[in-house]
Amino acid sequence: MVADHELTSYLAALAPEADPDSTGSGARFGEGQVHQLRMTPFASEQLKEIAEARGTSPQALARDWVLERLSWEAQAESTQAQRQLTQDEQDTDQHFFGGQLDESTS
């Protein structure tokens, strides 16, 4: 019986390791989560081409794009919250000081 090194490698990658915080290469990733991404063949090919042009892997490029988008979303949420706070302060000022200013101008 001939050993199938590709199958053996694949099965070894699927097997749980003694150290769940290891990538298998010895590099640690701590509390990182693994997410799968299903893409159309066309989108997958685009990702591969862009990654190759940038000298990186498709996985690293997709991860970077997701992290950039999450950062953008957090900034947009923070900006929206700040605008709401500013609007609330203006509404409060008009409520408390609006009547008083109207009386002084009469």
PDB file of N, CA and C in Angstrom:
ATOM      1  N   MET A   1       0.840  -1.180   0.000  1.00  0.00           N
ATOM      2  CA  MET A   1       0.000   0.000   0.000  1.00  0.00           C
ATOM      3  C   MET A   1       0.889   1.248   0.000  1.00  0.00           C
ATOM      4  N   VAL A   2       0.600   2.180  -0.920  1.00  0.00           N
ATOM      5  CA  VAL A   2       1.379   3.397  -1.072  1.00  0.00           C
ATOM      6  C   VAL A   2       0.742   4.499  -0.226  1.00  0.00           C
ATOM      7  N   ALA A   3       1.552   5.200   0.519  1.00  0.00           N
ATOM      8  CA  ALA A   3       1.055   6.278   1.373  1.00  0.00           C
ATOM      9  C   ALA A   3       0.678   7.480   0.513  1.00  0.00           C
ATOM     10  N   ASP A   4      -0.468   8.052   0.797  1.00  0.00           N
ATOM     11  CA  ASP A   4      -0.926   9.252   0.107  1.00  0.00           C
ATOM     12  C   ASP A   4      -0.579  10.445   1.000  1.00  0.00           C
ATOM     13  N   HIS A   5       0.525  11.088   0.678  1.00  0.00           N
ATOM     14  CA  HIS A   5       1.028  12.166   1.531  1.00  0.00           C
ATOM     15  C   HIS A   5       0.073  13.364   1.565  1.00  0.00           C
ATOM     16  N   GLU A   6      -0.590  13.631   0.449  1.00  0.00           N
ATOM     17  CA  GLU A   6      -1.529  14.743   0.414  1.00  0.00           C
ATOM     18  C   GLU A   6      -2.725  14.470   1.336  1.00  0.00           C
ATOM     19  N   LEU A   7      -3.255  13.251   1.287  1.00  0.00           N
ATOM     20  CA  LEU A   7      -4.365  12.881   2.155  1.00  0.00           C
ATOM     21  C   LEU A   7      -3.942  12.892   3.616  1.00  0.00           C
ATOM     22  N   THR A   8      -2.762  12.370   3.896  1.00  0.00           N
ATOM     23  CA  THR A   8      -2.252  12.355   5.266  1.00  0.00           C
ATOM     24  C   THR A   8      -2.103  13.768   5.802  1.00  0.00           C
ATOM     25  N   SER A   9      -1.582  14.668   4.984  1.00  0.00           N
ATOM     26  CA  SER A   9      -1.412  16.063   5.388  1.00  0.00           C
ATOM     27  C   SER A   9      -2.765  16.722   5.642  1.00  0.00           C
ATOM     28  N   TYR A  10      -3.727  16.448   4.767  1.00  0.00           N
ATOM     29  CA  TYR A  10      -5.062  17.023   4.910  1.00  0.00           C
ATOM     30  C   TYR A  10      -5.733  16.547   6.200  1.00  0.00           C
ATOM     31  N   LEU A  11      -5.661  15.255   6.448  1.00  0.00           N
ATOM     32  CA  LEU A  11      -6.266  14.700   7.659  1.00  0.00           C
ATOM     33  C   LEU A  11      -5.567  15.213   8.917  1.00  0.00           C
ATOM     34  N   ALA A  12      -4.260  15.387   8.847  1.00  0.00           N
ATOM     35  CA  ALA A  12      -3.528  15.922   9.995  1.00  0.00           C
ATOM     36  C   ALA A  12      -3.958  17.360  10.286  1.00  0.00           C
ATOM     37  N   ALA A  13      -4.243  18.125   9.230  1.00  0.00           N
ATOM     38  CA  ALA A  13      -4.686  19.509   9.418  1.00  0.00           C
ATOM     39  C   ALA A  13      -6.068  19.569  10.054  1.00  0.00           C
ATOM     40  N   LEU A  14      -6.891  18.561   9.799  1.00  0.00           N
ATOM     41  CA  LEU A  14      -8.235  18.532  10.378  1.00  0.00           C
ATOM     42  C   LEU A  14      -8.253  18.028  11.810  1.00  0.00           C
ATOM     43  N   ALA A  15      -7.254  17.245  12.186  1.00  0.00           N
ATOM     44  CA  ALA A  15      -7.213  16.635  13.515  1.00  0.00           C
ATOM     45  C   ALA A  15      -6.965  17.698  14.574  1.00  0.00           C
ATOM     46  N   PRO A  16      -7.653  17.579  15.717  1.00  0.00           N
ATOM     47  CA  PRO A  16      -7.397  18.543  16.797  1.00  0.00           C
ATOM     48  C   PRO A  16      -5.980  18.369  17.322  1.00  0.00           C
ATOM     49  N   GLU A  17      -5.381  19.482  17.637  1.00  0.00           N
ATOM     50  CA  GLU A  17      -4.020  19.453  18.161  1.00  0.00           C
ATOM     51  C   GLU A  17      -4.060  19.545  19.673  1.00  0.00           C
ATOM     52  N   ALA A  18      -2.962  19.187  20.282  1.00  0.00           N
ATOM     53  CA  ALA A  18      -2.864  19.274  21.740  1.00  0.00           C
ATOM     54  C   ALA A  18      -2.969  20.725  22.204  1.00  0.00           C
ATOM     55  N   ASP A  19      -2.484  21.655  21.375  1.00  0.00           N
ATOM     56  CA  ASP A  19      -2.507  23.082  21.712  1.00  0.00           C
ATOM     57  C   ASP A  19      -3.493  23.795  20.784  1.00  0.00           C
ATOM     58  N   PRO A  20      -4.716  24.080  21.245  1.00  0.00           N
ATOM     59  CA  PRO A  20      -5.705  24.709  20.370  1.00  0.00           C
ATOM     60  C   PRO A  20      -5.366  26.145  19.991  1.00  0.00           C
ATOM     61  N   ASP A  21      -4.390  26.767  20.655  1.00  0.00           N
ATOM     62  CA  ASP A  21      -4.007  28.141  20.335  1.00  0.00           C
ATOM     63  C   ASP A  21      -2.806  28.186  19.410  1.00  0.00           C
ATOM     64  N   SER A  22      -2.637  27.168  18.600  1.00  0.00           N
ATOM     65  CA  SER A  22      -1.502  27.132  17.693  1.00  0.00           C
ATOM     66  C   SER A  22      -2.005  26.986  16.266  1.00  0.00           C
ATOM     67  N   THR A  23      -1.314  27.602  15.340  1.00  0.00           N
ATOM     68  CA  THR A  23      -1.675  27.495  13.930  1.00  0.00           C
ATOM     69  C   THR A  23      -1.097  26.240  13.307  1.00  0.00           C
ATOM     70  N   GLY A  24      -0.341  25.479  14.064  1.00  0.00           N
ATOM     71  CA  GLY A  24       0.301  24.297  13.523  1.00  0.00           C
ATOM     72  C   GLY A  24       1.733  24.591  13.120  1.00  0.00           C
ATOM     73  N   SER A  25       2.022  25.838  12.836  1.00  0.00           N
ATOM     74  CA  SER A  25       3.376  26.225  12.471  1.00  0.00           C
ATOM     75  C   SER A  25       4.141  26.697  13.700  1.00  0.00           C
ATOM     76  N   GLY A  26       3.474  26.674  14.836  1.00  0.00           N
ATOM     77  CA  GLY A  26       4.100  27.141  16.064  1.00  0.00           C
ATOM     78  C   GLY A  26       3.712  28.561  16.394  1.00  0.00           C
ATOM     79  N   ALA A  27       3.149  29.279  15.426  1.00  0.00           N
ATOM     80  CA  ALA A  27       2.737  30.663  15.672  1.00  0.00           C
ATOM     81  C   ALA A  27       1.460  30.665  16.506  1.00  0.00           C
ATOM     82  N   ARG A  28       1.391  31.527  17.489  1.00  0.00           N
ATOM     83  CA  ARG A  28       0.227  31.586  18.380  1.00  0.00           C
ATOM     84  C   ARG A  28      -0.732  32.661  17.869  1.00  0.00           C
ATOM     85  N   PHE A  29      -2.023  32.407  18.034  1.00  0.00           N
ATOM     86  CA  PHE A  29      -2.999  33.420  17.658  1.00  0.00           C
ATOM     87  C   PHE A  29      -3.977  33.734  18.763  1.00  0.00           C
ATOM     88  N   GLY A  30      -3.732  33.222  19.966  1.00  0.00           N
ATOM     89  CA  GLY A  30      -4.515  33.600  21.136  1.00  0.00           C
ATOM     90  C   GLY A  30      -5.991  33.342  20.983  1.00  0.00           C
ATOM     91  N   GLU A  31      -6.784  34.382  21.138  1.00  0.00           N
ATOM     92  CA  GLU A  31      -8.235  34.261  21.137  1.00  0.00           C
ATOM     93  C   GLU A  31      -8.842  34.407  19.743  1.00  0.00           C
ATOM     94  N   GLY A  32      -8.046  34.283  18.693  1.00  0.00           N
ATOM     95  CA  GLY A  32      -8.550  34.456  17.334  1.00  0.00           C
ATOM     96  C   GLY A  32      -9.610  33.435  16.974  1.00  0.00           C
ATOM     97  N   GLN A  33     -10.537  33.846  16.132  1.00  0.00           N
ATOM     98  CA  GLN A  33     -11.606  32.987  15.642  1.00  0.00           C
ATOM     99  C   GLN A  33     -11.365  32.708  14.161  1.00  0.00           C
ATOM    100  N   VAL A  34     -11.734  31.537  13.718  1.00  0.00           N
ATOM    101  CA  VAL A  34     -11.614  31.169  12.313  1.00  0.00           C
ATOM    102  C   VAL A  34     -12.999  31.246  11.688  1.00  0.00           C
ATOM    103  N   HIS A  35     -13.110  31.933  10.547  1.00  0.00           N
ATOM    104  CA  HIS A  35     -14.367  32.058   9.820  1.00  0.00           C
ATOM    105  C   HIS A  35     -14.151  31.577   8.391  1.00  0.00           C
ATOM    106  N   GLN A  36     -15.111  30.843   7.876  1.00  0.00           N
ATOM    107  CA  GLN A  36     -15.046  30.415   6.486  1.00  0.00           C
ATOM    108  C   GLN A  36     -15.818  31.408   5.638  1.00  0.00           C
ATOM    109  N   LEU A  37     -15.371  31.565   4.401  1.00  0.00           N
ATOM    110  CA  LEU A  37     -15.990  32.512   3.490  1.00  0.00           C
ATOM    111  C   LEU A  37     -16.279  31.799   2.175  1.00  0.00           C
ATOM    112  N   ARG A  38     -17.550  31.686   1.818  1.00  0.00           N
ATOM    113  CA  ARG A  38     -17.927  31.052   0.563  1.00  0.00           C
ATOM    114  C   ARG A  38     -18.104  32.148  -0.479  1.00  0.00           C
ATOM    115  N   MET A  39     -17.427  31.970  -1.618  1.00  0.00           N
ATOM    116  CA  MET A  39     -17.464  32.972  -2.674  1.00  0.00           C
ATOM    117  C   MET A  39     -17.768  32.300  -4.011  1.00  0.00           C
ATOM    118  N   THR A  40     -18.275  33.089  -4.937  1.00  0.00           N
ATOM    119  CA  THR A  40     -18.465  32.576  -6.283  1.00  0.00           C
ATOM    120  C   THR A  40     -17.093  32.322  -6.897  1.00  0.00           C
ATOM    121  N   PRO A  41     -17.003  31.443  -7.885  1.00  0.00           N
ATOM    122  CA  PRO A  41     -15.703  31.217  -8.538  1.00  0.00           C
ATOM    123  C   PRO A  41     -15.106  32.500  -9.116  1.00  0.00           C
ATOM    124  N   PHE A  42     -15.964  33.355  -9.668  1.00  0.00           N
ATOM    125  CA  PHE A  42     -15.474  34.608 -10.235  1.00  0.00           C
ATOM    126  C   PHE A  42     -14.857  35.503  -9.154  1.00  0.00           C
ATOM    127  N   ALA A  43     -15.572  35.651  -8.036  1.00  0.00           N
ATOM    128  CA  ALA A  43     -15.061  36.482  -6.940  1.00  0.00           C
ATOM    129  C   ALA A  43     -13.797  35.889  -6.355  1.00  0.00           C
ATOM    130  N   SER A  44     -13.750  34.571  -6.239  1.00  0.00           N
ATOM    131  CA  SER A  44     -12.556  33.905  -5.717  1.00  0.00           C
ATOM    132  C   SER A  44     -11.360  34.163  -6.617  1.00  0.00           C
ATOM    133  N   GLU A  45     -11.579  34.111  -7.909  1.00  0.00           N
ATOM    134  CA  GLU A  45     -10.488  34.363  -8.860  1.00  0.00           C
ATOM    135  C   GLU A  45     -10.026  35.819  -8.771  1.00  0.00           C
ATOM    136  N   GLN A  46     -10.966  36.733  -8.634  1.00  0.00           N
ATOM    137  CA  GLN A  46     -10.599  38.153  -8.467  1.00  0.00           C
ATOM    138  C   GLN A  46      -9.743  38.342  -7.226  1.00  0.00           C
ATOM    139  N   LEU A  47     -10.155  37.722  -6.129  1.00  0.00           N
ATOM    140  CA  LEU A  47      -9.409  37.829  -4.878  1.00  0.00           C
ATOM    141  C   LEU A  47      -7.992  37.297  -5.049  1.00  0.00           C
ATOM    142  N   LYS A  48      -7.866  36.153  -5.696  1.00  0.00           N
ATOM    143  CA  LYS A  48      -6.541  35.567  -5.928  1.00  0.00           C
ATOM    144  C   LYS A  48      -5.669  36.491  -6.768  1.00  0.00           C
ATOM    145  N   GLU A  49      -6.236  37.057  -7.832  1.00  0.00           N
ATOM    146  CA  GLU A  49      -5.472  37.938  -8.710  1.00  0.00           C
ATOM    147  C   GLU A  49      -5.013  39.201  -7.980  1.00  0.00           C
ATOM    148  N   ILE A  50      -5.905  39.803  -7.218  1.00  0.00           N
ATOM    149  CA  ILE A  50      -5.547  41.021  -6.482  1.00  0.00           C
ATOM    150  C   ILE A  50      -4.487  40.705  -5.434  1.00  0.00           C
ATOM    151  N   ALA A  51      -4.671  39.595  -4.726  1.00  0.00           N
ATOM    152  CA  ALA A  51      -3.701  39.205  -3.702  1.00  0.00           C
ATOM    153  C   ALA A  51      -2.329  38.962  -4.320  1.00  0.00           C
ATOM    154  N   GLU A  52      -2.301  38.285  -5.450  1.00  0.00           N
ATOM    155  CA  GLU A  52      -1.021  38.018  -6.126  1.00  0.00           C
ATOM    156  C   GLU A  52      -0.347  39.320  -6.549  1.00  0.00           C
ATOM    157  N   ALA A  53      -1.138  40.254  -7.072  1.00  0.00           N
ATOM    158  CA  ALA A  53      -0.595  41.546  -7.491  1.00  0.00           C
ATOM    159  C   ALA A  53      -0.024  42.327  -6.309  1.00  0.00           C
ATOM    160  N   ARG A  54      -0.591  42.111  -5.131  1.00  0.00           N
ATOM    161  CA  ARG A  54      -0.123  42.820  -3.936  1.00  0.00           C
ATOM    162  C   ARG A  54       0.905  42.033  -3.135  1.00  0.00           C
ATOM    163  N   GLY A  55       1.238  40.842  -3.618  1.00  0.00           N
ATOM    164  CA  GLY A  55       2.264  40.045  -2.950  1.00  0.00           C
ATOM    165  C   GLY A  55       1.824  39.443  -1.634  1.00  0.00           C
ATOM    166  N   THR A  56       0.561  39.071  -1.543  1.00  0.00           N
ATOM    167  CA  THR A  56       0.041  38.486  -0.313  1.00  0.00           C
ATOM    168  C   THR A  56      -0.862  37.308  -0.671  1.00  0.00           C
ATOM    169  N   SER A  57      -1.368  36.650   0.332  1.00  0.00           N
ATOM    170  CA  SER A  57      -2.265  35.518   0.088  1.00  0.00           C
ATOM    171  C   SER A  57      -3.713  36.014   0.026  1.00  0.00           C
ATOM    172  N   PRO A  58      -4.572  35.265  -0.656  1.00  0.00           N
ATOM    173  CA  PRO A  58      -5.991  35.647  -0.665  1.00  0.00           C
ATOM    174  C   PRO A  58      -6.584  35.694   0.742  1.00  0.00           C
ATOM    175  N   GLN A  59      -6.158  34.777   1.613  1.00  0.00           N
ATOM    176  CA  GLN A  59      -6.675  34.761   2.978  1.00  0.00           C
ATOM    177  C   GLN A  59      -6.282  36.024   3.735  1.00  0.00           C
ATOM    178  N   ALA A  60      -5.022  36.425   3.603  1.00  0.00           N
ATOM    179  CA  ALA A  60      -4.549  37.623   4.301  1.00  0.00           C
ATOM    180  C   ALA A  60      -5.242  38.872   3.764  1.00  0.00           C
ATOM    181  N   LEU A  61      -5.432  38.925   2.449  1.00  0.00           N
ATOM    182  CA  LEU A  61      -6.097  40.077   1.851  1.00  0.00           C
ATOM    183  C   LEU A  61      -7.545  40.169   2.309  1.00  0.00           C
ATOM    184  N   ALA A  62      -8.254  39.051   2.305  1.00  0.00           N
ATOM    185  CA  ALA A  62      -9.653  39.044   2.758  1.00  0.00           C
ATOM    186  C   ALA A  62      -9.738  39.438   4.228  1.00  0.00           C
ATOM    187  N   ARG A  63      -8.829  38.918   5.046  1.00  0.00           N
ATOM    188  CA  ARG A  63      -8.821  39.265   6.474  1.00  0.00           C
ATOM    189  C   ARG A  63      -8.586  40.765   6.650  1.00  0.00           C
ATOM    190  N   ASP A  64      -7.607  41.311   5.913  1.00  0.00           N
ATOM    191  CA  ASP A  64      -7.320  42.741   6.015  1.00  0.00           C
ATOM    192  C   ASP A  64      -8.527  43.575   5.611  1.00  0.00           C
ATOM    193  N   TRP A  65      -9.202  43.154   4.533  1.00  0.00           N
ATOM    194  CA  TRP A  65     -10.377  43.902   4.077  1.00  0.00           C
ATOM    195  C   TRP A  65     -11.491  43.856   5.115  1.00  0.00           C
ATOM    196  N   VAL A  66     -11.709  42.721   5.726  1.00  0.00           N
ATOM    197  CA  VAL A  66     -12.744  42.601   6.753  1.00  0.00           C
ATOM    198  C   VAL A  66     -12.394  43.487   7.953  1.00  0.00           C
ATOM    199  N   LEU A  67     -11.138  43.451   8.384  1.00  0.00           N
ATOM    200  CA  LEU A  67     -10.722  44.272   9.527  1.00  0.00           C
ATOM    201  C   LEU A  67     -10.832  45.762   9.210  1.00  0.00           C
ATOM    202  N   GLU A  68     -10.478  46.162   7.977  1.00  0.00           N
ATOM    203  CA  GLU A  68     -10.635  47.561   7.574  1.00  0.00           C
ATOM    204  C   GLU A  68     -12.098  47.978   7.618  1.00  0.00           C
ATOM    205  N   ARG A  69     -12.980  47.105   7.129  1.00  0.00           N
ATOM    206  CA  ARG A  69     -14.407  47.430   7.117  1.00  0.00           C
ATOM    207  C   ARG A  69     -14.961  47.530   8.530  1.00  0.00           C
ATOM    208  N   LEU A  70     -14.535  46.628   9.406  1.00  0.00           N
ATOM    209  CA  LEU A  70     -14.980  46.692  10.797  1.00  0.00           C
ATOM    210  C   LEU A  70     -14.529  47.999  11.454  1.00  0.00           C
ATOM    211  N   SER A  71     -13.315  48.416  11.162  1.00  0.00           N
ATOM    212  CA  SER A  71     -12.819  49.687  11.689  1.00  0.00           C
ATOM    213  C   SER A  71     -13.649  50.845  11.147  1.00  0.00           C
ATOM    214  N   TRP A  72     -13.953  50.811   9.851  1.00  0.00           N
ATOM    215  CA  TRP A  72     -14.759  51.858   9.225  1.00  0.00           C
ATOM    216  C   TRP A  72     -16.146  51.909   9.861  1.00  0.00           C
ATOM    217  N   GLU A  73     -16.757  50.735  10.072  1.00  0.00           N
ATOM    218  CA  GLU A  73     -18.079  50.677  10.688  1.00  0.00           C
ATOM    219  C   GLU A  73     -18.055  51.257  12.100  1.00  0.00           C
ATOM    220  N   ALA A  74     -17.013  50.938  12.863  1.00  0.00           N
ATOM    221  CA  ALA A  74     -16.897  51.458  14.229  1.00  0.00           C
ATOM    222  C   ALA A  74     -16.756  52.977  14.216  1.00  0.00           C
ATOM    223  N   GLN A  75     -15.972  53.507  13.271  1.00  0.00           N
ATOM    224  CA  GLN A  75     -15.811  54.959  13.173  1.00  0.00           C
ATOM    225  C   GLN A  75     -17.122  55.627  12.775  1.00  0.00           C
ATOM    226  N   ALA A  76     -17.840  55.021  11.836  1.00  0.00           N
ATOM    227  CA  ALA A  76     -19.121  55.580  11.399  1.00  0.00           C
ATOM    228  C   ALA A  76     -20.125  55.580  12.547  1.00  0.00           C
ATOM    229  N   GLU A  77     -20.136  54.509  13.326  1.00  0.00           N
ATOM    230  CA  GLU A  77     -21.034  54.423  14.476  1.00  0.00           C
ATOM    231  C   GLU A  77     -20.682  55.479  15.516  1.00  0.00           C
ATOM    232  N   SER A  78     -19.389  55.675  15.750  1.00  0.00           N
ATOM    233  CA  SER A  78     -18.942  56.674  16.711  1.00  0.00           C
ATOM    234  C   SER A  78     -19.321  58.080  16.247  1.00  0.00           C
ATOM    235  N   THR A  79     -19.156  58.345  14.952  1.00  0.00           N
ATOM    236  CA  THR A  79     -19.515  59.648  14.400  1.00  0.00           C
ATOM    237  C   THR A  79     -21.009  59.888  14.527  1.00  0.00           C
ATOM    238  N   GLN A  80     -21.806  58.863  14.246  1.00  0.00           N
ATOM    239  CA  GLN A  80     -23.258  58.993  14.362  1.00  0.00           C
ATOM    240  C   GLN A  80     -23.663  59.237  15.816  1.00  0.00           C
ATOM    241  N   ALA A  81     -23.029  58.535  16.745  1.00  0.00           N
ATOM    242  CA  ALA A  81     -23.341  58.731  18.165  1.00  0.00           C
ATOM    243  C   ALA A  81     -22.977  60.148  18.599  1.00  0.00           C
ATOM    244  N   GLN A  82     -21.845  60.665  18.112  1.00  0.00           N
ATOM    245  CA  GLN A  82     -21.425  62.019  18.458  1.00  0.00           C
ATOM    246  C   GLN A  82     -22.408  63.043  17.903  1.00  0.00           C
ATOM    247  N   ARG A  83     -22.871  62.823  16.664  1.00  0.00           N
ATOM    248  CA  ARG A  83     -23.850  63.739  16.074  1.00  0.00           C
ATOM    249  C   ARG A  83     -25.150  63.730  16.878  1.00  0.00           C
ATOM    250  N   GLN A  84     -25.575  62.550  17.301  1.00  0.00           N
ATOM    251  CA  GLN A  84     -26.805  62.437  18.088  1.00  0.00           C
ATOM    252  C   GLN A  84     -26.648  63.148  19.422  1.00  0.00           C
ATOM    253  N   LEU A  85     -25.479  63.000  20.049  1.00  0.00           N
ATOM    254  CA  LEU A  85     -25.222  63.673  21.316  1.00  0.00           C
ATOM    255  C   LEU A  85     -25.257  65.187  21.127  1.00  0.00           C
ATOM    256  N   THR A  86     -24.650  65.674  20.063  1.00  0.00           N
ATOM    257  CA  THR A  86     -24.648  67.106  19.776  1.00  0.00           C
ATOM    258  C   THR A  86     -26.068  67.603  19.540  1.00  0.00           C
ATOM    259  N   GLN A  87     -26.862  66.838  18.785  1.00  0.00           N
ATOM    260  CA  GLN A  87     -28.254  67.221  18.525  1.00  0.00           C
ATOM    261  C   GLN A  87     -29.060  67.220  19.812  1.00  0.00           C
ATOM    262  N   ASP A  88     -28.838  66.216  20.663  1.00  0.00           N
ATOM    263  CA  ASP A  88     -29.548  66.164  21.943  1.00  0.00           C
ATOM    264  C   ASP A  88     -29.205  67.371  22.809  1.00  0.00           C
ATOM    265  N   GLU A  89     -27.925  67.780  22.806  1.00  0.00           N
ATOM    266  CA  GLU A  89     -27.509  68.951  23.585  1.00  0.00           C
ATOM    267  C   GLU A  89     -28.175  70.209  23.046  1.00  0.00           C
ATOM    268  N   GLN A  90     -28.263  70.337  21.719  1.00  0.00           N
ATOM    269  CA  GLN A  90     -28.914  71.506  21.127  1.00  0.00           C
ATOM    270  C   GLN A  90     -30.401  71.529  21.481  1.00  0.00           C
ATOM    271  N   ASP A  91     -31.035  70.367  21.402  1.00  0.00           N
ATOM    272  CA  ASP A  91     -32.455  70.290  21.757  1.00  0.00           C
ATOM    273  C   ASP A  91     -32.666  70.669  23.212  1.00  0.00           C
ATOM    274  N   THR A  92     -31.767  70.218  24.090  1.00  0.00           N
ATOM    275  CA  THR A  92     -31.872  70.529  25.519  1.00  0.00           C
ATOM    276  C   THR A  92     -31.675  72.024  25.744  1.00  0.00           C
ATOM    277  N   ASP A  93     -30.688  72.612  25.060  1.00  0.00           N
ATOM    278  CA  ASP A  93     -30.456  74.053  25.190  1.00  0.00           C
ATOM    279  C   ASP A  93     -31.680  74.839  24.748  1.00  0.00           C
ATOM    280  N   GLN A  94     -32.301  74.456  23.664  1.00  0.00           N
ATOM    281  CA  GLN A  94     -33.479  75.165  23.179  1.00  0.00           C
ATOM    282  C   GLN A  94     -34.634  75.010  24.156  1.00  0.00           C
ATOM    283  N   HIS A  95     -34.752  73.840  24.758  1.00  0.00           N
ATOM    284  CA  HIS A  95     -35.836  73.606  25.709  1.00  0.00           C
ATOM    285  C   HIS A  95     -35.668  74.463  26.962  1.00  0.00           C
ATOM    286  N   PHE A  96     -34.451  74.469  27.529  1.00  0.00           N
ATOM    287  CA  PHE A  96     -34.223  75.194  28.781  1.00  0.00           C
ATOM    288  C   PHE A  96     -34.050  76.686  28.577  1.00  0.00           C
ATOM    289  N   PHE A  97     -33.379  77.075  27.508  1.00  0.00           N
ATOM    290  CA  PHE A  97     -33.043  78.480  27.345  1.00  0.00           C
ATOM    291  C   PHE A  97     -33.920  79.198  26.323  1.00  0.00           C
ATOM    292  N   GLY A  98     -34.647  78.446  25.521  1.00  0.00           N
ATOM    293  CA  GLY A  98     -35.468  79.059  24.469  1.00  0.00           C
ATOM    294  C   GLY A  98     -36.516  80.009  25.027  1.00  0.00           C
ATOM    295  N   GLY A  99     -37.260  79.571  26.030  1.00  0.00           N
ATOM    296  CA  GLY A  99     -38.304  80.415  26.611  1.00  0.00           C
ATOM    297  C   GLY A  99     -37.729  81.629  27.297  1.00  0.00           C
ATOM    298  N   GLN A 100     -36.616  81.453  28.008  1.00  0.00           N
ATOM    299  CA  GLN A 100     -35.989  82.557  28.720  1.00  0.00           C
ATOM    300  C   GLN A 100     -35.484  83.616  27.745  1.00  0.00           C
ATOM    301  N   LEU A 101     -34.900  83.168  26.627  1.00  0.00           N
ATOM    302  CA  LEU A 101     -34.407  84.142  25.658  1.00  0.00           C
ATOM    303  C   LEU A 101     -35.556  84.880  25.012  1.00  0.00           C
ATOM    304  N   ASP A 102     -36.666  84.184  24.750  1.00  0.00           N
ATOM    305  CA  ASP A 102     -37.822  84.847  24.148  1.00  0.00           C
ATOM    306  C   ASP A 102     -38.388  85.907  25.074  1.00  0.00           C
ATOM    307  N   GLU A 103     -38.423  85.642  26.389  1.00  0.00           N
ATOM    308  CA  GLU A 103     -38.964  86.597  27.353  1.00  0.00           C
ATOM    309  C   GLU A 103     -38.087  87.830  27.418  1.00  0.00           C
ATOM    310  N   SER A 104     -36.746  87.648  27.335  1.00  0.00           N
ATOM    311  CA  SER A 104     -35.849  88.803  27.467  1.00  0.00           C
ATOM    312  C   SER A 104     -35.874  89.689  26.231  1.00  0.00           C
ATOM    313  N   THR A 105     -36.271  89.133  25.090  1.00  0.00           N
ATOM    314  CA  THR A 105     -36.318  89.947  23.880  1.00  0.00           C
ATOM    315  C   THR A 105     -37.652  90.656  23.740  1.00  0.00           C
ATOM    316  N   SER A 106     -38.640  90.334  24.583  1.00  0.00           N
ATOM    317  CA  SER A 106     -39.961  90.965  24.474  1.00  0.00           C
ATOM    318  C   SER A 106     -39.993  92.299  25.135  1.00  0.00           C
TER     319      SER A 106
END
